[in-house]
Amino acid sequence: MVKIACQTIIFGNPTIKDNLAKYAETVKKIGYNGIEVGVRHFYQDRLDYYKDLFAKLDLNLIAVHVGGDFTNKDSVKQQLDAMKDTIIFGRNLGCTYIYMSGTFREGKTPENFISEAAGYREIGKICNNEGMKFCYHNHDWEFYNKGAGMKILLDNVPADLMKLVPDVGWLEQAGVNSLQFLKDNIGRVESLHFKDFKKFGITPHPACIKEVTELGKGQVPFKEIYRYVSGLGRDWWIVAEQDETALDTAEAARINYEYIKGLGK
């Protein structure tokens, strides 16, 4: 069964932290089953408030999304200490996943990715100890140089410590066949991010954001992907993630929900 979640980034990063209740209510009213929130949008000393909020709305917090520069060896311990607090916070909210975005940097080297992998192994161990799953969320830059960066991460972090939450839009943006990537790595795939682009081939990475659009209005082959994952005989979370929109944000979130829902008809 496919369940649909909303990444709150669509509502605009500067406004989310102090308006999370309003956006969660909007997401539930649209029809979403779940929500994904970046850790920076929580006041971590208000655990009971968020528990009550999500329980009242009957809305699943499926993932807390985090980031970090684990190529910076001087700050790795500090980041891991903060990560443990975040993982425990998410677990106490009934969250299943920690989604991790790596760091974009021009000219990233194999050594940078190897350094990152060491940090991810530690995060995976903490998640496992807390009864959660650590999932890596890709962009396009891990697939520069014929996918060398992603290969290093997959080869250097065991599957039991790092699962995947593939962003199929970013895969296509990188020139990767997203359906084939899913088939090749399905043993690690826990859930999916659906993001659409008006056109592909725009570099460097930050410029791509300007071409993000509502689901079904771009070029990502969502129908084939949905057909594949829905035929695997397991439950799936598909997360609608749209970094920005020219529309009213609630309307864009509604379009994305209706599009995913329509794929199952």
C-alpha atoms as a PDB file:
ATOM      1  CA  MET A   1       0.000   0.000   0.000  1.00  0.00           C
ATOM      2  CA  VAL A   2       1.263   3.468  -0.884  1.00  0.00           C
ATOM      3  CA  LYS A   3       0.911   6.159   1.769  1.00  0.00           C
ATOM      4  CA  ILE A   4       1.508   9.805   0.908  1.00  0.00           C
ATOM      5  CA  ALA A   5       3.490  12.304   2.974  1.00  0.00           C
ATOM      6  CA  CYS A   6       4.384  15.966   2.531  1.00  0.00           C
ATOM      7  CA  GLN A   7       7.817  17.524   3.041  1.00  0.00           C
ATOM      8  CA  THR A   8       7.125  20.857   4.723  1.00  0.00           C
ATOM      9  CA  ILE A   9       9.834  22.614   2.692  1.00  0.00           C
ATOM     10  CA  ILE A  10       7.093  23.598   0.236  1.00  0.00           C
ATOM     11  CA  PHE A  11       5.785  26.134   2.772  1.00  0.00           C
ATOM     12  CA  GLY A  12       9.070  28.061   2.781  1.00  0.00           C
ATOM     13  CA  ASN A  13      11.923  27.413   5.192  1.00  0.00           C
ATOM     14  CA  PRO A  14      11.879  30.768   7.047  1.00  0.00           C
ATOM     15  CA  THR A  15       8.236  30.385   8.094  1.00  0.00           C
ATOM     16  CA  ILE A  16       7.974  26.716   9.076  1.00  0.00           C
ATOM     17  CA  LYS A  17       9.303  26.702  12.635  1.00  0.00           C
ATOM     18  CA  ASP A  18       6.775  29.155  14.036  1.00  0.00           C
ATOM     19  CA  ASN A  19       3.910  27.939  11.852  1.00  0.00           C
ATOM     20  CA  LEU A  20       4.337  24.170  11.972  1.00  0.00           C
ATOM     21  CA  ALA A  21       0.928  23.586  13.567  1.00  0.00           C
ATOM     22  CA  LYS A  22      -0.813  25.530  10.807  1.00  0.00           C
ATOM     23  CA  TYR A  23       1.066  23.722   8.066  1.00  0.00           C
ATOM     24  CA  ALA A  24       0.463  20.325   9.682  1.00  0.00           C
ATOM     25  CA  GLU A  25      -3.266  21.099   9.770  1.00  0.00           C
ATOM     26  CA  THR A  26      -3.125  22.117   6.105  1.00  0.00           C
ATOM     27  CA  VAL A  27      -1.343  18.896   5.157  1.00  0.00           C
ATOM     28  CA  LYS A  28      -3.924  16.791   7.013  1.00  0.00           C
ATOM     29  CA  LYS A  29      -6.847  18.684   5.512  1.00  0.00           C
ATOM     30  CA  ILE A  30      -5.497  18.081   1.993  1.00  0.00           C
ATOM     31  CA  GLY A  31      -5.470  14.341   2.700  1.00  0.00           C
ATOM     32  CA  TYR A  32      -1.824  13.457   3.373  1.00  0.00           C
ATOM     33  CA  ASN A  33      -1.188  10.525   5.717  1.00  0.00           C
ATOM     34  CA  GLY A  34       2.164  11.790   6.938  1.00  0.00           C
ATOM     35  CA  ILE A  35       4.589  14.650   7.197  1.00  0.00           C
ATOM     36  CA  GLU A  36       8.367  15.060   6.993  1.00  0.00           C
ATOM     37  CA  VAL A  37      10.008  17.968   8.793  1.00  0.00           C
ATOM     38  CA  GLY A  38      13.556  19.301   8.884  1.00  0.00           C
ATOM     39  CA  VAL A  39      15.063  19.193  12.368  1.00  0.00           C
ATOM     40  CA  ARG A  40      15.748  22.931  12.312  1.00  0.00           C
ATOM     41  CA  HIS A  41      11.987  23.527  12.233  1.00  0.00           C
ATOM     42  CA  PHE A  42      11.412  22.009  15.662  1.00  0.00           C
ATOM     43  CA  TYR A  43      11.834  23.521  19.102  1.00  0.00           C
ATOM     44  CA  GLN A  44      13.334  20.426  20.673  1.00  0.00           C
ATOM     45  CA  ASP A  45      12.314  21.515  24.186  1.00  0.00           C
ATOM     46  CA  ARG A  46       8.619  21.291  23.155  1.00  0.00           C
ATOM     47  CA  LEU A  47       8.362  17.522  22.743  1.00  0.00           C
ATOM     48  CA  ASP A  48       4.953  17.184  24.418  1.00  0.00           C
ATOM     49  CA  TYR A  49       3.531  19.983  22.290  1.00  0.00           C
ATOM     50  CA  TYR A  50       4.465  18.170  19.064  1.00  0.00           C
ATOM     51  CA  LYS A  51       3.235  14.833  20.430  1.00  0.00           C
ATOM     52  CA  ASP A  52      -0.158  16.381  21.123  1.00  0.00           C
ATOM     53  CA  LEU A  53      -0.204  18.144  17.748  1.00  0.00           C
ATOM     54  CA  PHE A  54       0.421  15.053  15.636  1.00  0.00           C
ATOM     55  CA  ALA A  55      -1.851  12.882  17.797  1.00  0.00           C
ATOM     56  CA  LYS A  56      -4.704  15.390  17.561  1.00  0.00           C
ATOM     57  CA  LEU A  57      -4.363  15.519  13.767  1.00  0.00           C
ATOM     58  CA  ASP A  58      -3.804  11.752  13.453  1.00  0.00           C
ATOM     59  CA  LEU A  59      -0.814  12.647  11.273  1.00  0.00           C
ATOM     60  CA  ASN A  60       2.315  10.502  11.114  1.00  0.00           C
ATOM     61  CA  LEU A  61       5.662  12.210  11.508  1.00  0.00           C
ATOM     62  CA  ILE A  62       7.433   9.733   9.256  1.00  0.00           C
ATOM     63  CA  ALA A  63      10.866  11.340   9.176  1.00  0.00           C
ATOM     64  CA  VAL A  64      13.030  14.061  10.610  1.00  0.00           C
ATOM     65  CA  HIS A  65      15.308  15.422   7.880  1.00  0.00           C
ATOM     66  CA  VAL A  66      18.843  16.388   8.856  1.00  0.00           C
ATOM     67  CA  GLY A  67      21.992  17.630   7.178  1.00  0.00           C
ATOM     68  CA  GLY A  68      25.629  17.997   8.077  1.00  0.00           C
ATOM     69  CA  ASP A  69      29.126  18.371   6.716  1.00  0.00           C
ATOM     70  CA  PHE A  70      30.830  15.134   7.679  1.00  0.00           C
ATOM     71  CA  THR A  71      33.791  15.997   5.487  1.00  0.00           C
ATOM     72  CA  ASN A  72      34.798  18.486   8.199  1.00  0.00           C
ATOM     73  CA  LYS A  73      36.733  16.226  10.549  1.00  0.00           C
ATOM     74  CA  ASP A  74      37.070  18.949  13.191  1.00  0.00           C
ATOM     75  CA  SER A  75      33.321  19.114  13.742  1.00  0.00           C
ATOM     76  CA  VAL A  76      32.296  15.465  13.299  1.00  0.00           C
ATOM     77  CA  LYS A  77      32.107  14.695  17.035  1.00  0.00           C
ATOM     78  CA  GLN A  78      30.026  17.808  17.665  1.00  0.00           C
ATOM     79  CA  GLN A  79      27.704  16.878  14.824  1.00  0.00           C
ATOM     80  CA  LEU A  80      27.346  13.278  16.027  1.00  0.00           C
ATOM     81  CA  ASP A  81      26.502  14.444  19.550  1.00  0.00           C
ATOM     82  CA  ALA A  82      23.788  16.732  18.171  1.00  0.00           C
ATOM     83  CA  MET A  83      22.586  13.950  15.869  1.00  0.00           C
ATOM     84  CA  LYS A  84      22.026  11.608  18.809  1.00  0.00           C
ATOM     85  CA  ASP A  85      19.794  14.196  20.481  1.00  0.00           C
ATOM     86  CA  THR A  86      17.848  14.598  17.232  1.00  0.00           C
ATOM     87  CA  ILE A  87      17.430  10.849  16.805  1.00  0.00           C
ATOM     88  CA  ILE A  88      16.098  10.460  20.351  1.00  0.00           C
ATOM     89  CA  PHE A  89      13.779  13.434  19.797  1.00  0.00           C
ATOM     90  CA  GLY A  90      12.408  11.857  16.628  1.00  0.00           C
ATOM     91  CA  ARG A  91      11.993   8.461  18.271  1.00  0.00           C
ATOM     92  CA  ASN A  92       9.998  10.055  21.094  1.00  0.00           C
ATOM     93  CA  LEU A  93       7.642  11.494  18.490  1.00  0.00           C
ATOM     94  CA  GLY A  94       7.033   8.038  17.031  1.00  0.00           C
ATOM     95  CA  CYS A  95       9.184   8.776  14.010  1.00  0.00           C
ATOM     96  CA  THR A  96      10.457   5.836  11.921  1.00  0.00           C
ATOM     97  CA  TYR A  97      13.216   7.442   9.868  1.00  0.00           C
ATOM     98  CA  ILE A  98      16.083   9.891   9.970  1.00  0.00           C
ATOM     99  CA  TYR A  99      16.591  11.222   6.437  1.00  0.00           C
ATOM    100  CA  MET A 100      20.042  12.636   5.769  1.00  0.00           C
ATOM    101  CA  SER A 101      21.174  15.011   3.042  1.00  0.00           C
ATOM    102  CA  GLY A 102      24.898  15.198   2.421  1.00  0.00           C
ATOM    103  CA  THR A 103      26.821  18.356   1.651  1.00  0.00           C
ATOM    104  CA  PHE A 104      27.206  19.870  -1.804  1.00  0.00           C
ATOM    105  CA  ARG A 105      30.663  21.180  -2.558  1.00  0.00           C
ATOM    106  CA  GLU A 106      32.350  22.036  -5.831  1.00  0.00           C
ATOM    107  CA  GLY A 107      35.138  19.597  -6.665  1.00  0.00           C
ATOM    108  CA  LYS A 108      34.193  17.042  -4.037  1.00  0.00           C
ATOM    109  CA  THR A 109      36.846  14.331  -3.889  1.00  0.00           C
ATOM    110  CA  PRO A 110      36.655  10.565  -3.242  1.00  0.00           C
ATOM    111  CA  GLU A 111      38.355  11.266   0.088  1.00  0.00           C
ATOM    112  CA  ASN A 112      35.500  13.626   0.999  1.00  0.00           C
ATOM    113  CA  PHE A 113      32.939  10.906   0.343  1.00  0.00           C
ATOM    114  CA  ILE A 114      34.973   8.357   2.316  1.00  0.00           C
ATOM    115  CA  SER A 115      35.077  10.781   5.238  1.00  0.00           C
ATOM    116  CA  GLU A 116      31.319  11.263   5.011  1.00  0.00           C
ATOM    117  CA  ALA A 117      30.777   7.515   4.955  1.00  0.00           C
ATOM    118  CA  ALA A 118      32.569   7.164   8.289  1.00  0.00           C
ATOM    119  CA  GLY A 119      30.140   9.637   9.860  1.00  0.00           C
ATOM    120  CA  TYR A 120      27.158   7.886   8.333  1.00  0.00           C
ATOM    121  CA  ARG A 121      28.248   4.557   9.780  1.00  0.00           C
ATOM    122  CA  GLU A 122      28.143   6.128  13.218  1.00  0.00           C
ATOM    123  CA  ILE A 123      24.719   7.689  12.611  1.00  0.00           C
ATOM    124  CA  GLY A 124      23.421   4.345  11.415  1.00  0.00           C
ATOM    125  CA  LYS A 125      24.615   2.673  14.608  1.00  0.00           C
ATOM    126  CA  ILE A 126      22.903   5.302  16.771  1.00  0.00           C
ATOM    127  CA  CYS A 127      19.662   4.942  14.794  1.00  0.00           C
ATOM    128  CA  ASN A 128      19.735   1.161  15.097  1.00  0.00           C
ATOM    129  CA  ASN A 129      20.286   1.426  18.853  1.00  0.00           C
ATOM    130  CA  GLU A 130      17.268   3.735  19.126  1.00  0.00           C
ATOM    131  CA  GLY A 131      14.997   1.554  16.993  1.00  0.00           C
ATOM    132  CA  MET A 132      15.030   3.877  13.981  1.00  0.00           C
ATOM    133  CA  LYS A 133      16.330   3.646  10.415  1.00  0.00           C
ATOM    134  CA  PHE A 134      18.904   5.946   8.860  1.00  0.00           C
ATOM    135  CA  CYS A 135      18.216   6.756   5.193  1.00  0.00           C
ATOM    136  CA  TYR A 136      20.367   8.733   2.777  1.00  0.00           C
ATOM    137  CA  HIS A 137      18.553  11.282   0.598  1.00  0.00           C
ATOM    138  CA  ASN A 138      20.364  11.928  -2.685  1.00  0.00           C
ATOM    139  CA  HIS A 139      20.622  15.030  -4.797  1.00  0.00           C
ATOM    140  CA  ASP A 140      22.251  15.100  -8.224  1.00  0.00           C
ATOM    141  CA  TRP A 141      25.854  15.784  -7.247  1.00  0.00           C
ATOM    142  CA  GLU A 142      26.477  12.332  -5.774  1.00  0.00           C
ATOM    143  CA  PHE A 143      26.160  11.104  -9.369  1.00  0.00           C
ATOM    144  CA  TYR A 144      28.692  13.447 -10.947  1.00  0.00           C
ATOM    145  CA  ASN A 145      31.698  11.609 -12.432  1.00  0.00           C
ATOM    146  CA  LYS A 146      29.589   8.591 -13.410  1.00  0.00           C
ATOM    147  CA  GLY A 147      28.109   8.162  -9.956  1.00  0.00           C
ATOM    148  CA  ALA A 148      31.442   7.815  -8.183  1.00  0.00           C
ATOM    149  CA  GLY A 149      30.301   9.570  -5.006  1.00  0.00           C
ATOM    150  CA  MET A 150      27.204   7.449  -4.509  1.00  0.00           C
ATOM    151  CA  LYS A 151      29.166   4.284  -5.219  1.00  0.00           C
ATOM    152  CA  ILE A 152      31.665   5.205  -2.492  1.00  0.00           C
ATOM    153  CA  LEU A 153      28.861   5.781   0.012  1.00  0.00           C
ATOM    154  CA  LEU A 154      27.128   2.502  -0.838  1.00  0.00           C
ATOM    155  CA  ASP A 155      30.390   0.562  -0.735  1.00  0.00           C
ATOM    156  CA  ASN A 156      31.590   2.086   2.543  1.00  0.00           C
ATOM    157  CA  VAL A 157      28.405   2.083   4.630  1.00  0.00           C
ATOM    158  CA  PRO A 158      26.835  -1.359   5.232  1.00  0.00           C
ATOM    159  CA  ALA A 159      23.210  -1.757   4.198  1.00  0.00           C
ATOM    160  CA  ASP A 160      22.130  -2.470   7.768  1.00  0.00           C
ATOM    161  CA  LEU A 161      23.459   0.962   8.795  1.00  0.00           C
ATOM    162  CA  MET A 162      22.293   3.085   5.840  1.00  0.00           C
ATOM    163  CA  LYS A 163      19.124   2.663   3.835  1.00  0.00           C
ATOM    164  CA  LEU A 164      18.033   4.916   0.962  1.00  0.00           C
ATOM    165  CA  VAL A 165      15.204   7.360   0.415  1.00  0.00           C
ATOM    166  CA  PRO A 166      15.865   8.048  -3.278  1.00  0.00           C
ATOM    167  CA  ASP A 167      14.760  11.388  -4.673  1.00  0.00           C
ATOM    168  CA  VAL A 168      13.719  10.312  -8.146  1.00  0.00           C
ATOM    169  CA  GLY A 169      13.670  13.876  -9.443  1.00  0.00           C
ATOM    170  CA  TRP A 170      17.284  14.467  -8.520  1.00  0.00           C
ATOM    171  CA  LEU A 171      18.222  11.108 -10.033  1.00  0.00           C
ATOM    172  CA  GLU A 172      16.717  12.142 -13.360  1.00  0.00           C
ATOM    173  CA  GLN A 173      18.336  15.561 -13.067  1.00  0.00           C
ATOM    174  CA  ALA A 174      21.679  13.777 -12.776  1.00  0.00           C
ATOM    175  CA  GLY A 175      21.002  11.793 -15.946  1.00  0.00           C
ATOM    176  CA  VAL A 176      20.322   8.579 -14.022  1.00  0.00           C
ATOM    177  CA  ASN A 177      17.471   6.259 -14.972  1.00  0.00           C
ATOM    178  CA  SER A 178      15.568   6.471 -11.694  1.00  0.00           C
ATOM    179  CA  LEU A 179      13.561   3.294 -12.233  1.00  0.00           C
ATOM    180  CA  GLN A 180      16.713   1.288 -12.927  1.00  0.00           C
ATOM    181  CA  PHE A 181      18.419   2.780  -9.875  1.00  0.00           C
ATOM    182  CA  LEU A 182      15.499   1.639  -7.731  1.00  0.00           C
ATOM    183  CA  LYS A 183      15.628  -1.859  -9.198  1.00  0.00           C
ATOM    184  CA  ASP A 184      19.377  -2.078  -8.676  1.00  0.00           C
ATOM    185  CA  ASN A 185      19.173  -0.936  -5.044  1.00  0.00           C
ATOM    186  CA  ILE A 186      15.722  -2.038  -3.943  1.00  0.00           C
ATOM    187  CA  GLY A 187      17.126  -3.952  -0.971  1.00  0.00           C
ATOM    188  CA  ARG A 188      18.144  -0.620   0.581  1.00  0.00           C
ATOM    189  CA  VAL A 189      15.157   1.479  -0.467  1.00  0.00           C
ATOM    190  CA  GLU A 190      12.807   2.337   2.396  1.00  0.00           C
ATOM    191  CA  SER A 191      10.683   5.118   0.905  1.00  0.00           C
ATOM    192  CA  LEU A 192      10.720   7.614  -1.960  1.00  0.00           C
ATOM    193  CA  HIS A 193      10.843  11.336  -2.552  1.00  0.00           C
ATOM    194  CA  PHE A 194       8.881  12.574  -5.556  1.00  0.00           C
ATOM    195  CA  LYS A 195      10.238  15.833  -6.985  1.00  0.00           C
ATOM    196  CA  ASP A 196       9.584  17.126 -10.501  1.00  0.00           C
ATOM    197  CA  PHE A 197      11.650  19.345 -12.788  1.00  0.00           C
ATOM    198  CA  LYS A 198      10.558  21.450 -15.754  1.00  0.00           C
ATOM    199  CA  LYS A 199      13.723  20.449 -17.583  1.00  0.00           C
ATOM    200  CA  PHE A 200      16.926  18.564 -16.892  1.00  0.00           C
ATOM    201  CA  GLY A 201      20.624  19.137 -17.373  1.00  0.00           C
ATOM    202  CA  ILE A 202      20.985  22.381 -15.430  1.00  0.00           C
ATOM    203  CA  THR A 203      24.205  22.715 -13.444  1.00  0.00           C
ATOM    204  CA  PRO A 204      25.625  23.447 -10.960  1.00  0.00           C
ATOM    205  CA  HIS A 205      23.310  21.862  -8.396  1.00  0.00           C
ATOM    206  CA  PRO A 206      21.870  25.013  -6.722  1.00  0.00           C
ATOM    207  CA  ALA A 207      20.625  26.369 -10.061  1.00  0.00           C
ATOM    208  CA  CYS A 208      18.390  23.324 -10.514  1.00  0.00           C
ATOM    209  CA  ILE A 209      16.044  24.481  -7.770  1.00  0.00           C
ATOM    210  CA  LYS A 210      14.668  27.167 -10.081  1.00  0.00           C
ATOM    211  CA  GLU A 211      13.310  24.433 -12.360  1.00  0.00           C
ATOM    212  CA  VAL A 212      11.386  22.519  -9.663  1.00  0.00           C
ATOM    213  CA  THR A 213       7.658  22.340 -10.376  1.00  0.00           C
ATOM    214  CA  GLU A 214       4.477  20.666  -9.166  1.00  0.00           C
ATOM    215  CA  LEU A 215       4.329  16.896  -9.637  1.00  0.00           C
ATOM    216  CA  GLY A 216       3.182  15.832 -13.074  1.00  0.00           C
ATOM    217  CA  LYS A 217       4.054  19.177 -14.666  1.00  0.00           C
ATOM    218  CA  GLY A 218       7.657  18.260 -15.432  1.00  0.00           C
ATOM    219  CA  GLN A 219       9.572  15.373 -16.956  1.00  0.00           C
ATOM    220  CA  VAL A 220      10.075  12.731 -14.241  1.00  0.00           C
ATOM    221  CA  PRO A 221       8.557   9.303 -15.158  1.00  0.00           C
ATOM    222  CA  PHE A 222       6.487   8.920 -11.998  1.00  0.00           C
ATOM    223  CA  LYS A 223       3.920   6.537 -13.498  1.00  0.00           C
ATOM    224  CA  GLU A 224       6.494   3.836 -14.217  1.00  0.00           C
ATOM    225  CA  ILE A 225       8.090   4.295 -10.797  1.00  0.00           C
ATOM    226  CA  TYR A 226       4.751   4.118  -8.998  1.00  0.00           C
ATOM    227  CA  ARG A 227       3.738   1.031 -10.937  1.00  0.00           C
ATOM    228  CA  TYR A 228       6.987  -0.689  -9.985  1.00  0.00           C
ATOM    229  CA  VAL A 229       6.965   0.062  -6.248  1.00  0.00           C
ATOM    230  CA  SER A 230       3.239  -0.551  -5.800  1.00  0.00           C
ATOM    231  CA  GLY A 231       3.709  -3.999  -7.313  1.00  0.00           C
ATOM    232  CA  LEU A 232       6.326  -5.090  -4.787  1.00  0.00           C
ATOM    233  CA  GLY A 233       3.814  -6.199  -2.187  1.00  0.00           C
ATOM    234  CA  ARG A 234       4.870  -3.952   0.684  1.00  0.00           C
ATOM    235  CA  ASP A 235       3.906  -0.647   2.259  1.00  0.00           C
ATOM    236  CA  TRP A 236       5.584   2.474   0.888  1.00  0.00           C
ATOM    237  CA  TRP A 237       5.792   6.080   1.931  1.00  0.00           C
ATOM    238  CA  ILE A 238       6.002   8.430  -1.027  1.00  0.00           C
ATOM    239  CA  VAL A 239       6.929  11.940   0.029  1.00  0.00           C
ATOM    240  CA  ALA A 240       6.009  14.926  -2.119  1.00  0.00           C
ATOM    241  CA  GLU A 241       8.946  17.334  -1.944  1.00  0.00           C
ATOM    242  CA  GLN A 242       8.906  20.655  -3.762  1.00  0.00           C
ATOM    243  CA  ASP A 243      11.601  23.155  -2.874  1.00  0.00           C
ATOM    244  CA  GLU A 244       9.740  26.205  -4.132  1.00  0.00           C
ATOM    245  CA  THR A 245       6.603  27.151  -6.027  1.00  0.00           C
ATOM    246  CA  ALA A 246       5.134  30.165  -7.793  1.00  0.00           C
ATOM    247  CA  LEU A 247       1.684  29.118  -6.593  1.00  0.00           C
ATOM    248  CA  ASP A 248       0.025  29.473  -3.233  1.00  0.00           C
ATOM    249  CA  THR A 249       1.909  26.907  -1.167  1.00  0.00           C
ATOM    250  CA  ALA A 250      -1.203  25.081   0.049  1.00  0.00           C
ATOM    251  CA  GLU A 251      -2.465  24.832  -3.520  1.00  0.00           C
ATOM    252  CA  ALA A 252       0.858  23.414  -4.702  1.00  0.00           C
ATOM    253  CA  ALA A 253       0.780  20.873  -1.866  1.00  0.00           C
ATOM    254  CA  ARG A 254      -2.760  19.907  -2.895  1.00  0.00           C
ATOM    255  CA  ILE A 255      -1.746  19.434  -6.548  1.00  0.00           C
ATOM    256  CA  ASN A 256       1.128  17.189  -5.487  1.00  0.00           C
ATOM    257  CA  TYR A 257      -1.104  15.083  -3.251  1.00  0.00           C
ATOM    258  CA  GLU A 258      -3.783  14.687  -5.919  1.00  0.00           C
ATOM    259  CA  TYR A 259      -1.186  13.720  -8.489  1.00  0.00           C
ATOM    260  CA  ILE A 260       0.299  10.926  -6.376  1.00  0.00           C
ATOM    261  CA  LYS A 261      -3.156   9.743  -5.338  1.00  0.00           C
ATOM    262  CA  GLY A 262      -4.182   9.642  -8.989  1.00  0.00           C
ATOM    263  CA  LEU A 263      -1.298   7.366  -9.890  1.00  0.00           C
ATOM    264  CA  GLY A 264      -2.966   4.601  -7.924  1.00  0.00           C
ATOM    265  CA  LYS A 265      -6.243   4.725  -9.855  1.00  0.00           C
END
